[in-house]
Amino acid sequence: MTLAPIRSQILALADEGNAAFVARLIPGLDPSVTVGARNPALRRLATSLRRSRPDEAREFLAELPHGLHEENMLHAFLLGLEKEPEAAFEGVEAF
């Protein structure tokens, strides 16, 4: 399962103060589904996954739905790095 190592990387980026901030910004977001990882760190993680572990990134994109807000953000950042338009459109529709 690809989600476990990626989730552990996201959890390593956790910031409790930022989690509370994000929960206040997004109406209806259950505070228990956010760990507060900051977007720049998630973008770096997405870039790293695409460059060094593209197969793991593809598996992560296929494992839906995600349980954490930050996993959804990482998913979106990975889709944004997609070079092939058709693959990007298919990924967005699946997401």
Foldseek 3Di string as FASTA:
>chain_A
DLPVVVVVVQLVQFDQVQLVVVCVVDPPDDSVQERRRDLVVLLVVLVCCVPPPVVSLVVLLVDDDDRHPSSVSSNVSNLVPDPDPVVSVVSVVVD
